[in-house]
């Protein structure tokens, strides 16, 4: 097997492992780790080239199957991210209401109006 093929297959395997790990981090609420992994994900994706598989249909099919699994894992991650975003939006609204209430109380306690 040529070095180019080996490198692509290794990158794809690591990318699949990372995709699984990112789902785990999302489920555990470990957002910093997930965000930090984005750079590594990009590096691995850049190493995946299909041109090195010319004449290697068996390995090309294997890569395609792995890339499909990675895509499916990425699609599984999306609702987890959306849920976290929505939960953060609710929390932000609560904080903003509390801050507005605190400002109103402060103004009232100083005898200011409205």
PDB file of N, CA and C in Angstrom:
ATOM      1  N   UNK A   1       0.854  -1.176   0.000  1.00  0.00           N
ATOM      2  CA  UNK A   1       0.000   0.000   0.000  1.00  0.00           C
ATOM      3  C   UNK A   1       0.897   1.235   0.000  1.00  0.00           C
ATOM      4  N   UNK A   2       0.567   2.204  -0.816  1.00  0.00           N
ATOM      5  CA  UNK A   2       1.402   3.391  -0.915  1.00  0.00           C
ATOM      6  C   UNK A   2       1.221   4.285   0.305  1.00  0.00           C
ATOM      7  N   UNK A   3       2.217   5.135   0.522  1.00  0.00           N
ATOM      8  CA  UNK A   3       2.185   6.036   1.677  1.00  0.00           C
ATOM      9  C   UNK A   3       0.976   6.961   1.619  1.00  0.00           C
ATOM     10  N   UNK A   4       0.620   7.450   0.442  1.00  0.00           N
ATOM     11  CA  UNK A   4      -0.522   8.339   0.321  1.00  0.00           C
ATOM     12  C   UNK A   4      -1.809   7.671   0.758  1.00  0.00           C
ATOM     13  N   UNK A   5      -1.998   6.423   0.329  1.00  0.00           N
ATOM     14  CA  UNK A   5      -3.195   5.670   0.700  1.00  0.00           C
ATOM     15  C   UNK A   5      -3.209   5.422   2.199  1.00  0.00           C
ATOM     16  N   UNK A   6      -2.076   5.005   2.742  1.00  0.00           N
ATOM     17  CA  UNK A   6      -1.986   4.738   4.178  1.00  0.00           C
ATOM     18  C   UNK A   6      -2.310   5.986   4.994  1.00  0.00           C
ATOM     19  N   UNK A   7      -1.784   7.136   4.568  1.00  0.00           N
ATOM     20  CA  UNK A   7      -2.019   8.377   5.288  1.00  0.00           C
ATOM     21  C   UNK A   7      -3.502   8.750   5.248  1.00  0.00           C
ATOM     22  N   UNK A   8      -4.129   8.602   4.091  1.00  0.00           N
ATOM     23  CA  UNK A   8      -5.544   8.940   3.966  1.00  0.00           C
ATOM     24  C   UNK A   8      -6.392   8.017   4.831  1.00  0.00           C
ATOM     25  N   UNK A   9      -6.104   6.724   4.787  1.00  0.00           N
ATOM     26  CA  UNK A   9      -6.875   5.776   5.590  1.00  0.00           C
ATOM     27  C   UNK A   9      -6.690   6.037   7.089  1.00  0.00           C
ATOM     28  N   UNK A  10      -5.468   6.361   7.487  1.00  0.00           N
ATOM     29  CA  UNK A  10      -5.205   6.661   8.903  1.00  0.00           C
ATOM     30  C   UNK A  10      -5.935   7.935   9.319  1.00  0.00           C
ATOM     31  N   UNK A  11      -5.918   8.948   8.465  1.00  0.00           N
ATOM     32  CA  UNK A  11      -6.607  10.196   8.778  1.00  0.00           C
ATOM     33  C   UNK A  11      -8.109   9.965   8.895  1.00  0.00           C
ATOM     34  N   UNK A  12      -8.657   9.161   7.988  1.00  0.00           N
ATOM     35  CA  UNK A  12     -10.093   8.879   8.028  1.00  0.00           C
ATOM     36  C   UNK A  12     -10.463   8.106   9.289  1.00  0.00           C
ATOM     37  N   UNK A  13      -9.621   7.148   9.673  1.00  0.00           N
ATOM     38  CA  UNK A  13      -9.888   6.377  10.892  1.00  0.00           C
ATOM     39  C   UNK A  13      -9.849   7.285  12.115  1.00  0.00           C
ATOM     40  N   UNK A  14      -8.866   8.169  12.165  1.00  0.00           N
ATOM     41  CA  UNK A  14      -8.771   9.087  13.307  1.00  0.00           C
ATOM     42  C   UNK A  14      -9.940  10.071  13.305  1.00  0.00           C
ATOM     43  N   UNK A  15     -10.346  10.497  12.118  1.00  0.00           N
ATOM     44  CA  UNK A  15     -11.486  11.409  12.016  1.00  0.00           C
ATOM     45  C   UNK A  15     -12.764  10.736  12.514  1.00  0.00           C
ATOM     46  N   UNK A  16     -12.934   9.459  12.224  1.00  0.00           N
ATOM     47  CA  UNK A  16     -14.111   8.743  12.721  1.00  0.00           C
ATOM     48  C   UNK A  16     -14.064   8.630  14.245  1.00  0.00           C
ATOM     49  N   UNK A  17     -12.910   8.309  14.802  1.00  0.00           N
ATOM     50  CA  UNK A  17     -12.776   8.239  16.263  1.00  0.00           C
ATOM     51  C   UNK A  17     -13.092   9.598  16.895  1.00  0.00           C
ATOM     52  N   UNK A  18     -12.590  10.654  16.267  1.00  0.00           N
ATOM     53  CA  UNK A  18     -12.833  11.992  16.792  1.00  0.00           C
ATOM     54  C   UNK A  18     -14.320  12.347  16.698  1.00  0.00           C
ATOM     55  N   UNK A  19     -14.975  11.961  15.627  1.00  0.00           N
ATOM     56  CA  UNK A  19     -16.412  12.232  15.480  1.00  0.00           C
ATOM     57  C   UNK A  19     -17.197  11.556  16.603  1.00  0.00           C
ATOM     58  N   UNK A  20     -16.818  10.332  16.938  1.00  0.00           N
ATOM     59  CA  UNK A  20     -17.477   9.626  18.041  1.00  0.00           C
ATOM     60  C   UNK A  20     -17.204  10.341  19.375  1.00  0.00           C
ATOM     61  N   UNK A  21     -15.974  10.777  19.562  1.00  0.00           N
ATOM     62  CA  UNK A  21     -15.607  11.468  20.799  1.00  0.00           C
ATOM     63  C   UNK A  21     -16.363  12.789  20.927  1.00  0.00           C
ATOM     64  N   UNK A  22     -16.535  13.487  19.820  1.00  0.00           N
ATOM     65  CA  UNK A  22     -17.242  14.767  19.849  1.00  0.00           C
ATOM     66  C   UNK A  22     -18.692  14.578  20.292  1.00  0.00           C
ATOM     67  N   UNK A  23     -19.311  13.484  19.878  1.00  0.00           N
ATOM     68  CA  UNK A  23     -20.677  13.189  20.328  1.00  0.00           C
ATOM     69  C   UNK A  23     -20.684  12.939  21.833  1.00  0.00           C
ATOM     70  N   UNK A  24     -19.708  12.195  22.311  1.00  0.00           N
ATOM     71  CA  UNK A  24     -19.603  11.935  23.745  1.00  0.00           C
ATOM     72  C   UNK A  24     -19.453  13.248  24.507  1.00  0.00           C
ATOM     73  N   UNK A  25     -18.566  14.114  24.031  1.00  0.00           N
ATOM     74  CA  UNK A  25     -18.376  15.409  24.697  1.00  0.00           C
ATOM     75  C   UNK A  25     -19.672  16.215  24.702  1.00  0.00           C
ATOM     76  N   UNK A  26     -20.382  16.202  23.591  1.00  0.00           N
ATOM     77  CA  UNK A  26     -21.646  16.959  23.514  1.00  0.00           C
ATOM     78  C   UNK A  26     -22.658  16.404  24.509  1.00  0.00           C
ATOM     79  N   UNK A  27     -22.765  15.094  24.594  1.00  0.00           N
ATOM     80  CA  UNK A  27     -23.713  14.481  25.536  1.00  0.00           C
ATOM     81  C   UNK A  27     -23.350  14.787  26.979  1.00  0.00           C
ATOM     82  N   UNK A  28     -22.053  14.953  27.240  1.00  0.00           N
ATOM     83  CA  UNK A  28     -21.591  15.240  28.597  1.00  0.00           C
ATOM     84  C   UNK A  28     -21.506  16.737  28.883  1.00  0.00           C
ATOM     85  N   UNK A  29     -21.802  17.552  27.879  1.00  0.00           N
ATOM     86  CA  UNK A  29     -21.746  18.996  28.063  1.00  0.00           C
ATOM     87  C   UNK A  29     -20.331  19.538  28.133  1.00  0.00           C
ATOM     88  N   UNK A  30     -19.387  18.830  27.578  1.00  0.00           N
ATOM     89  CA  UNK A  30     -17.993  19.268  27.576  1.00  0.00           C
ATOM     90  C   UNK A  30     -17.734  20.092  26.314  1.00  0.00           C
ATOM     91  N   UNK A  31     -18.291  21.308  26.316  1.00  0.00           N
ATOM     92  CA  UNK A  31     -18.281  22.147  25.119  1.00  0.00           C
ATOM     93  C   UNK A  31     -16.900  22.670  24.784  1.00  0.00           C
ATOM     94  N   UNK A  32     -16.085  22.949  25.792  1.00  0.00           N
ATOM     95  CA  UNK A  32     -14.734  23.446  25.513  1.00  0.00           C
ATOM     96  C   UNK A  32     -13.933  22.408  24.728  1.00  0.00           C
ATOM     97  N   UNK A  33     -14.004  21.155  25.156  1.00  0.00           N
ATOM     98  CA  UNK A  33     -13.282  20.091  24.456  1.00  0.00           C
ATOM     99  C   UNK A  33     -13.789  19.949  23.026  1.00  0.00           C
ATOM    100  N   UNK A  34     -15.094  20.032  22.863  1.00  0.00           N
ATOM    101  CA  UNK A  34     -15.673  19.891  21.531  1.00  0.00           C
ATOM    102  C   UNK A  34     -15.214  21.027  20.621  1.00  0.00           C
ATOM    103  N   UNK A  35     -15.255  22.247  21.123  1.00  0.00           N
ATOM    104  CA  UNK A  35     -14.832  23.393  20.321  1.00  0.00           C
ATOM    105  C   UNK A  35     -13.344  23.284  19.981  1.00  0.00           C
ATOM    106  N   UNK A  36     -12.550  22.907  20.971  1.00  0.00           N
ATOM    107  CA  UNK A  36     -11.107  22.786  20.739  1.00  0.00           C
ATOM    108  C   UNK A  36     -10.786  21.703  19.713  1.00  0.00           C
ATOM    109  N   UNK A  37     -11.635  20.706  19.584  1.00  0.00           N
ATOM    110  CA  UNK A  37     -11.380  19.614  18.642  1.00  0.00           C
ATOM    111  C   UNK A  37     -11.641  20.013  17.192  1.00  0.00           C
ATOM    112  N   UNK A  38     -12.269  21.151  16.989  1.00  0.00           N
ATOM    113  CA  UNK A  38     -12.628  21.565  15.631  1.00  0.00           C
ATOM    114  C   UNK A  38     -11.392  21.741  14.745  1.00  0.00           C
ATOM    115  N   UNK A  39     -10.325  22.295  15.294  1.00  0.00           N
ATOM    116  CA  UNK A  39      -9.105  22.491  14.507  1.00  0.00           C
ATOM    117  C   UNK A  39      -8.532  21.141  14.065  1.00  0.00           C
ATOM    118  N   UNK A  40      -8.486  20.192  14.993  1.00  0.00           N
ATOM    119  CA  UNK A  40      -7.968  18.857  14.655  1.00  0.00           C
ATOM    120  C   UNK A  40      -8.853  18.203  13.597  1.00  0.00           C
ATOM    121  N   UNK A  41     -10.149  18.371  13.722  1.00  0.00           N
ATOM    122  CA  UNK A  41     -11.082  17.822  12.748  1.00  0.00           C
ATOM    123  C   UNK A  41     -10.779  18.370  11.354  1.00  0.00           C
ATOM    124  N   UNK A  42     -10.531  19.659  11.281  1.00  0.00           N
ATOM    125  CA  UNK A  42     -10.196  20.279   9.993  1.00  0.00           C
ATOM    126  C   UNK A  42      -8.894  19.754   9.421  1.00  0.00           C
ATOM    127  N   UNK A  43      -7.892  19.588  10.287  1.00  0.00           N
ATOM    128  CA  UNK A  43      -6.596  19.057   9.837  1.00  0.00           C
ATOM    129  C   UNK A  43      -6.759  17.663   9.243  1.00  0.00           C
ATOM    130  N   UNK A  44      -7.515  16.829   9.942  1.00  0.00           N
ATOM    131  CA  UNK A  44      -7.713  15.459   9.467  1.00  0.00           C
ATOM    132  C   UNK A  44      -8.485  15.443   8.154  1.00  0.00           C
ATOM    133  N   UNK A  45      -9.506  16.261   8.060  1.00  0.00           N
ATOM    134  CA  UNK A  45     -10.310  16.303   6.836  1.00  0.00           C
ATOM    135  C   UNK A  45      -9.463  16.734   5.645  1.00  0.00           C
ATOM    136  N   UNK A  46      -8.536  17.655   5.863  1.00  0.00           N
ATOM    137  CA  UNK A  46      -7.669  18.117   4.773  1.00  0.00           C
ATOM    138  C   UNK A  46      -6.743  17.014   4.268  1.00  0.00           C
ATOM    139  N   UNK A  47      -6.432  16.042   5.098  1.00  0.00           N
ATOM    140  CA  UNK A  47      -5.538  14.944   4.689  1.00  0.00           C
ATOM    141  C   UNK A  47      -6.249  13.895   3.842  1.00  0.00           C
ATOM    142  N   UNK A  48      -7.559  13.965   3.750  1.00  0.00           N
ATOM    143  CA  UNK A  48      -8.312  12.951   3.012  1.00  0.00           C
ATOM    144  C   UNK A  48      -8.422  13.377   1.554  1.00  0.00           C
ATOM    145  N   UNK A  49      -7.780  12.591   0.701  1.00  0.00           N
ATOM    146  CA  UNK A  49      -7.776  12.844  -0.740  1.00  0.00           C
ATOM    147  C   UNK A  49      -8.178  11.556  -1.448  1.00  0.00           C
ATOM    148  N   UNK A  50      -9.022  11.688  -2.432  1.00  0.00           N
ATOM    149  CA  UNK A  50      -9.471  10.484  -3.139  1.00  0.00           C
ATOM    150  C   UNK A  50      -8.569  10.139  -4.318  1.00  0.00           C
ATOM    151  N   UNK A  51      -7.750  11.067  -4.778  1.00  0.00           N
ATOM    152  CA  UNK A  51      -6.921  10.813  -5.953  1.00  0.00           C
ATOM    153  C   UNK A  51      -5.908   9.693  -5.730  1.00  0.00           C
ATOM    154  N   UNK A  52      -5.542   9.419  -4.486  1.00  0.00           N
ATOM    155  CA  UNK A  52      -4.555   8.369  -4.219  1.00  0.00           C
ATOM    156  C   UNK A  52      -5.159   6.968  -4.356  1.00  0.00           C
ATOM    157  N   UNK A  53      -6.463   6.874  -4.589  1.00  0.00           N
ATOM    158  CA  UNK A  53      -7.138   5.582  -4.673  1.00  0.00           C
ATOM    159  C   UNK A  53      -7.380   5.113  -6.101  1.00  0.00           C
ATOM    160  N   UNK A  54      -6.798   5.798  -7.067  1.00  0.00           N
ATOM    161  CA  UNK A  54      -6.967   5.376  -8.460  1.00  0.00           C
ATOM    162  C   UNK A  54      -6.479   3.941  -8.609  1.00  0.00           C
ATOM    163  N   UNK A  55      -7.345   3.099  -9.168  1.00  0.00           N
ATOM    164  CA  UNK A  55      -7.008   1.694  -9.358  1.00  0.00           C
ATOM    165  C   UNK A  55      -7.103   0.861  -8.094  1.00  0.00           C
ATOM    166  N   UNK A  56      -7.565   1.443  -7.012  1.00  0.00           N
ATOM    167  CA  UNK A  56      -7.693   0.739  -5.723  1.00  0.00           C
ATOM    168  C   UNK A  56      -9.149   0.778  -5.287  1.00  0.00           C
ATOM    169  N   UNK A  57     -10.025   0.195  -6.101  1.00  0.00           N
ATOM    170  CA  UNK A  57     -11.466   0.275  -5.844  1.00  0.00           C
ATOM    171  C   UNK A  57     -11.855  -0.282  -4.476  1.00  0.00           C
ATOM    172  N   UNK A  58     -11.202  -1.365  -4.054  1.00  0.00           N
ATOM    173  CA  UNK A  58     -11.546  -1.956  -2.758  1.00  0.00           C
ATOM    174  C   UNK A  58     -11.279  -0.978  -1.620  1.00  0.00           C
ATOM    175  N   UNK A  59     -10.125  -0.327  -1.658  1.00  0.00           N
ATOM    176  CA  UNK A  59      -9.789   0.640  -0.615  1.00  0.00           C
ATOM    177  C   UNK A  59     -10.623   1.908  -0.758  1.00  0.00           C
ATOM    178  N   UNK A  60     -10.926   2.275  -1.980  1.00  0.00           N
ATOM    179  CA  UNK A  60     -11.776   3.440  -2.212  1.00  0.00           C
ATOM    180  C   UNK A  60     -13.167   3.231  -1.635  1.00  0.00           C
ATOM    181  N   UNK A  61     -13.700   2.016  -1.801  1.00  0.00           N
ATOM    182  CA  UNK A  61     -15.013   1.701  -1.216  1.00  0.00           C
ATOM    183  C   UNK A  61     -14.947   1.732   0.308  1.00  0.00           C
ATOM    184  N   UNK A  62     -13.872   1.211   0.839  1.00  0.00           N
ATOM    185  CA  UNK A  62     -13.692   1.217   2.294  1.00  0.00           C
ATOM    186  C   UNK A  62     -13.660   2.651   2.820  1.00  0.00           C
ATOM    187  N   UNK A  63     -12.948   3.529   2.126  1.00  0.00           N
ATOM    188  CA  UNK A  63     -12.897   4.930   2.527  1.00  0.00           C
ATOM    189  C   UNK A  63     -14.283   5.558   2.423  1.00  0.00           C
ATOM    190  N   UNK A  64     -14.985   5.274   1.353  1.00  0.00           N
ATOM    191  CA  UNK A  64     -16.325   5.852   1.166  1.00  0.00           C
ATOM    192  C   UNK A  64     -17.260   5.427   2.294  1.00  0.00           C
ATOM    193  N   UNK A  65     -17.172   4.168   2.701  1.00  0.00           N
ATOM    194  CA  UNK A  65     -18.013   3.677   3.801  1.00  0.00           C
ATOM    195  C   UNK A  65     -17.667   4.395   5.105  1.00  0.00           C
ATOM    196  N   UNK A  66     -16.385   4.599   5.342  1.00  0.00           N
ATOM    197  CA  UNK A  66     -15.961   5.292   6.566  1.00  0.00           C
ATOM    198  C   UNK A  66     -16.428   6.747   6.531  1.00  0.00           C
ATOM    199  N   UNK A  67     -16.298   7.388   5.385  1.00  0.00           N
ATOM    200  CA  UNK A  67     -16.734   8.782   5.265  1.00  0.00           C
ATOM    201  C   UNK A  67     -18.244   8.901   5.460  1.00  0.00           C
ATOM    202  N   UNK A  68     -18.979   7.909   5.027  1.00  0.00           N
ATOM    203  CA  UNK A  68     -20.427   7.896   5.258  1.00  0.00           C
ATOM    204  C   UNK A  68     -20.724   7.798   6.748  1.00  0.00           C
ATOM    205  N   UNK A  69     -19.975   6.949   7.452  1.00  0.00           N
ATOM    206  CA  UNK A  69     -20.159   6.836   8.903  1.00  0.00           C
ATOM    207  C   UNK A  69     -19.826   8.157   9.593  1.00  0.00           C
ATOM    208  N   UNK A  70     -18.766   8.821   9.142  1.00  0.00           N
ATOM    209  CA  UNK A  70     -18.379  10.112   9.724  1.00  0.00           C
ATOM    210  C   UNK A  70     -19.483  11.137   9.489  1.00  0.00           C
ATOM    211  N   UNK A  71     -20.022  11.164   8.285  1.00  0.00           N
ATOM    212  CA  UNK A  71     -21.118  12.092   7.981  1.00  0.00           C
ATOM    213  C   UNK A  71     -22.320  11.811   8.887  1.00  0.00           C
ATOM    214  N   UNK A  72     -22.634  10.525   9.062  1.00  0.00           N
ATOM    215  CA  UNK A  72     -23.760  10.156   9.927  1.00  0.00           C
ATOM    216  C   UNK A  72     -23.513  10.586  11.367  1.00  0.00           C
ATOM    217  N   UNK A  73     -22.288  10.449  11.834  1.00  0.00           N
ATOM    218  CA  UNK A  73     -21.948  10.888  13.188  1.00  0.00           C
ATOM    219  C   UNK A  73     -22.071  12.407  13.305  1.00  0.00           C
ATOM    220  N   UNK A  74     -21.614  13.123  12.292  1.00  0.00           N
ATOM    221  CA  UNK A  74     -21.742  14.578  12.304  1.00  0.00           C
ATOM    222  C   UNK A  74     -23.210  14.990  12.337  1.00  0.00           C
ATOM    223  N   UNK A  75     -24.046  14.266  11.605  1.00  0.00           N
ATOM    224  CA  UNK A  75     -25.480  14.557  11.604  1.00  0.00           C
ATOM    225  C   UNK A  75     -26.111  14.247  12.959  1.00  0.00           C
ATOM    226  N   UNK A  76     -25.574  13.273  13.659  1.00  0.00           N
ATOM    227  CA  UNK A  76     -26.049  12.942  15.007  1.00  0.00           C
ATOM    228  C   UNK A  76     -25.671  14.038  16.005  1.00  0.00           C
ATOM    229  N   UNK A  77     -24.583  14.715  15.740  1.00  0.00           N
ATOM    230  CA  UNK A  77     -24.110  15.780  16.618  1.00  0.00           C
ATOM    231  C   UNK A  77     -24.980  17.035  16.519  1.00  0.00           C
ATOM    232  N   UNK A  78     -25.518  17.308  15.355  1.00  0.00           N
ATOM    233  CA  UNK A  78     -26.263  18.547  15.121  1.00  0.00           C
ATOM    234  C   UNK A  78     -27.402  18.761  16.125  1.00  0.00           C
ATOM    235  N   UNK A  79     -28.301  17.784  16.350  1.00  0.00           N
ATOM    236  CA  UNK A  79     -29.372  18.047  17.319  1.00  0.00           C
ATOM    237  C   UNK A  79     -28.860  18.284  18.741  1.00  0.00           C
ATOM    238  N   UNK A  80     -27.749  17.674  19.095  1.00  0.00           N
ATOM    239  CA  UNK A  80     -27.168  17.913  20.413  1.00  0.00           C
ATOM    240  C   UNK A  80     -26.698  19.362  20.533  1.00  0.00           C
ATOM    241  N   UNK A  81     -26.097  19.875  19.467  1.00  0.00           N
ATOM    242  CA  UNK A  81     -25.649  21.261  19.452  1.00  0.00           C
ATOM    243  C   UNK A  81     -26.837  22.217  19.477  1.00  0.00           C
ATOM    244  N   UNK A  82     -27.867  21.885  18.711  1.00  0.00           N
ATOM    245  CA  UNK A  82     -29.054  22.733  18.676  1.00  0.00           C
ATOM    246  C   UNK A  82     -29.744  22.779  20.040  1.00  0.00           C
ATOM    247  N   UNK A  83     -29.807  21.645  20.700  1.00  0.00           N
ATOM    248  CA  UNK A  83     -30.419  21.602  22.029  1.00  0.00           C
ATOM    249  C   UNK A  83     -29.630  22.468  23.013  1.00  0.00           C
ATOM    250  N   UNK A  84     -28.319  22.359  22.969  1.00  0.00           N
ATOM    251  CA  UNK A  84     -27.482  23.167  23.868  1.00  0.00           C
ATOM    252  C   UNK A  84     -27.651  24.653  23.566  1.00  0.00           C
ATOM    253  N   UNK A  85     -27.710  25.000  22.299  1.00  0.00           N
ATOM    254  CA  UNK A  85     -27.917  26.400  21.915  1.00  0.00           C
ATOM    255  C   UNK A  85     -29.241  26.921  22.474  1.00  0.00           C
ATOM    256  N   UNK A  86     -30.292  26.114  22.326  1.00  0.00           N
ATOM    257  CA  UNK A  86     -31.608  26.528  22.809  1.00  0.00           C
ATOM    258  C   UNK A  86     -31.623  26.682  24.332  1.00  0.00           C
ATOM    259  N   UNK A  87     -30.960  25.765  25.031  1.00  0.00           N
ATOM    260  CA  UNK A  87     -30.889  25.857  26.484  1.00  0.00           C
ATOM    261  C   UNK A  87     -30.120  27.104  26.923  1.00  0.00           C
ATOM    262  N   UNK A  88     -29.060  27.424  26.193  1.00  0.00           N
ATOM    263  CA  UNK A  88     -28.300  28.637  26.515  1.00  0.00           C
ATOM    264  C   UNK A  88     -29.130  29.896  26.259  1.00  0.00           C
ATOM    265  N   UNK A  89     -29.936  29.881  25.224  1.00  0.00           N
ATOM    266  CA  UNK A  89     -30.796  31.035  24.933  1.00  0.00           C
ATOM    267  C   UNK A  89     -31.786  31.262  26.066  1.00  0.00           C
ATOM    268  N   UNK A  90     -32.350  30.191  26.607  1.00  0.00           N
ATOM    269  CA  UNK A  90     -33.284  30.306  27.730  1.00  0.00           C
ATOM    270  C   UNK A  90     -32.563  30.865  28.951  1.00  0.00           C
ATOM    271  N   UNK A  91     -31.379  30.359  29.228  1.00  0.00           N
ATOM    272  CA  UNK A  91     -30.598  30.849  30.371  1.00  0.00           C
ATOM    273  C   UNK A  91     -30.244  32.323  30.204  1.00  0.00           C
ATOM    274  N   UNK A  92     -29.880  32.712  28.996  1.00  0.00           N
ATOM    275  CA  UNK A  92     -29.540  34.110  28.738  1.00  0.00           C
ATOM    276  C   UNK A  92     -30.737  35.005  28.989  1.00  0.00           C
ATOM    277  N   UNK A  93     -31.916  34.588  28.563  1.00  0.00           N
ATOM    278  CA  UNK A  93     -33.127  35.374  28.815  1.00  0.00           C
ATOM    279  C   UNK A  93     -33.375  35.538  30.316  1.00  0.00           C
ATOM    280  N   UNK A  94     -33.172  34.462  31.072  1.00  0.00           N
ATOM    281  CA  UNK A  94     -33.359  34.538  32.522  1.00  0.00           C
ATOM    282  C   UNK A  94     -32.388  35.531  33.144  1.00  0.00           C
ATOM    283  N   UNK A  95     -31.138  35.475  32.726  1.00  0.00           N
ATOM    284  CA  UNK A  95     -30.122  36.385  33.258  1.00  0.00           C
ATOM    285  C   UNK A  95     -30.462  37.827  32.910  1.00  0.00           C
ATOM    286  N   UNK A  96     -30.894  38.045  31.670  1.00  0.00           N
ATOM    287  CA  UNK A  96     -31.243  39.405  31.259  1.00  0.00           C
ATOM    288  C   UNK A  96     -32.418  39.941  32.067  1.00  0.00           C
ATOM    289  N   UNK A  97     -33.413  39.105  32.338  1.00  0.00           N
ATOM    290  CA  UNK A  97     -34.570  39.538  33.141  1.00  0.00           C
ATOM    291  C   UNK A  97     -34.135  39.865  34.562  1.00  0.00           C
ATOM    292  N   UNK A  98     -33.269  39.028  35.127  1.00  0.00           N
ATOM    293  CA  UNK A  98     -32.785  39.295  36.485  1.00  0.00           C
ATOM    294  C   UNK A  98     -31.992  40.593  36.530  1.00  0.00           C
ATOM    295  N   UNK A  99     -31.162  40.807  35.510  1.00  0.00           N
ATOM    296  CA  UNK A  99     -30.358  42.037  35.465  1.00  0.00           C
ATOM    297  C   UNK A  99     -31.261  43.257  35.337  1.00  0.00           C
ATOM    298  N   UNK A 100     -32.289  43.152  34.506  1.00  0.00           N
ATOM    299  CA  UNK A 100     -33.224  44.276  34.353  1.00  0.00           C
ATOM    300  C   UNK A 100     -33.960  44.533  35.664  1.00  0.00           C
ATOM    301  N   UNK A 101     -34.355  43.488  36.336  1.00  0.00           N
ATOM    302  CA  UNK A 101     -35.019  43.633  37.636  1.00  0.00           C
ATOM    303  C   UNK A 101     -34.106  44.270  38.662  1.00  0.00           C
ATOM    304  N   UNK A 102     -32.856  43.868  38.670  1.00  0.00           N
ATOM    305  CA  UNK A 102     -31.888  44.430  39.617  1.00  0.00           C
ATOM    306  C   UNK A 102     -31.659  45.910  39.337  1.00  0.00           C
ATOM    307  N   UNK A 103     -31.579  46.277  38.057  1.00  0.00           N
ATOM    308  CA  UNK A 103     -31.406  47.691  37.714  1.00  0.00           C
ATOM    309  C   UNK A 103     -32.627  48.500  38.144  1.00  0.00           C
ATOM    310  N   UNK A 104     -33.810  47.962  37.911  1.00  0.00           N
ATOM    311  CA  UNK A 104     -35.045  48.661  38.300  1.00  0.00           C
ATOM    312  C   UNK A 104     -35.101  48.827  39.817  1.00  0.00           C
ATOM    313  N   UNK A 105     -34.739  47.789  40.543  1.00  0.00           N
ATOM    314  CA  UNK A 105     -34.720  47.870  42.007  1.00  0.00           C
ATOM    315  C   UNK A 105     -33.722  48.921  42.465  1.00  0.00           C
ATOM    316  N   UNK A 106     -32.554  48.934  41.837  1.00  0.00           N
ATOM    317  CA  UNK A 106     -31.523  49.891  42.216  1.00  0.00           C
ATOM    318  C   UNK A 106     -32.010  51.318  41.982  1.00  0.00           C
ATOM    319  N   UNK A 107     -32.642  51.560  40.838  1.00  0.00           N
ATOM    320  CA  UNK A 107     -33.164  52.891  40.547  1.00  0.00           C
ATOM    321  C   UNK A 107     -34.236  53.287  41.555  1.00  0.00           C
ATOM    322  N   UNK A 108     -35.121  52.339  41.868  1.00  0.00           N
ATOM    323  CA  UNK A 108     -36.220  52.596  42.808  1.00  0.00           C
ATOM    324  C   UNK A 108     -35.661  52.882  44.201  1.00  0.00           C
ATOM    325  N   UNK A 109     -34.651  52.117  44.602  1.00  0.00           N
ATOM    326  CA  UNK A 109     -34.091  52.295  45.945  1.00  0.00           C
ATOM    327  C   UNK A 109     -33.382  53.626  46.065  1.00  0.00           C
ATOM    328  N   UNK A 110     -32.950  54.214  44.956  1.00  0.00           N
ATOM    329  CA  UNK A 110     -32.317  55.526  44.975  1.00  0.00           C
ATOM    330  C   UNK A 110     -33.315  56.651  44.752  1.00  0.00           C
ATOM    331  N   UNK A 111     -34.578  56.255  44.635  1.00  0.00           N
ATOM    332  CA  UNK A 111     -35.638  57.259  44.480  1.00  0.00           C
ATOM    333  C   UNK A 111     -35.836  57.722  43.064  1.00  0.00           C
ATOM    334  N   UNK A 112     -35.218  57.056  42.109  1.00  0.00           N
ATOM    335  CA  UNK A 112     -35.416  57.422  40.710  1.00  0.00           C
ATOM    336  C   UNK A 112     -36.716  56.826  40.212  1.00  0.00           C
ATOM    337  N   UNK A 113     -37.280  57.436  39.214  1.00  0.00           N
ATOM    338  CA  UNK A 113     -38.486  56.911  38.605  1.00  0.00           C
ATOM    339  C   UNK A 113     -38.142  56.292  37.269  1.00  0.00           C
ATOM    340  N   UNK A 114     -38.858  55.193  36.986  1.00  0.00           N
ATOM    341  CA  UNK A 114     -38.894  54.548  35.763  1.00  0.00           C
ATOM    342  C   UNK A 114     -37.921  54.139  34.897  1.00  0.00           C
TER     343      UNK A 114
END
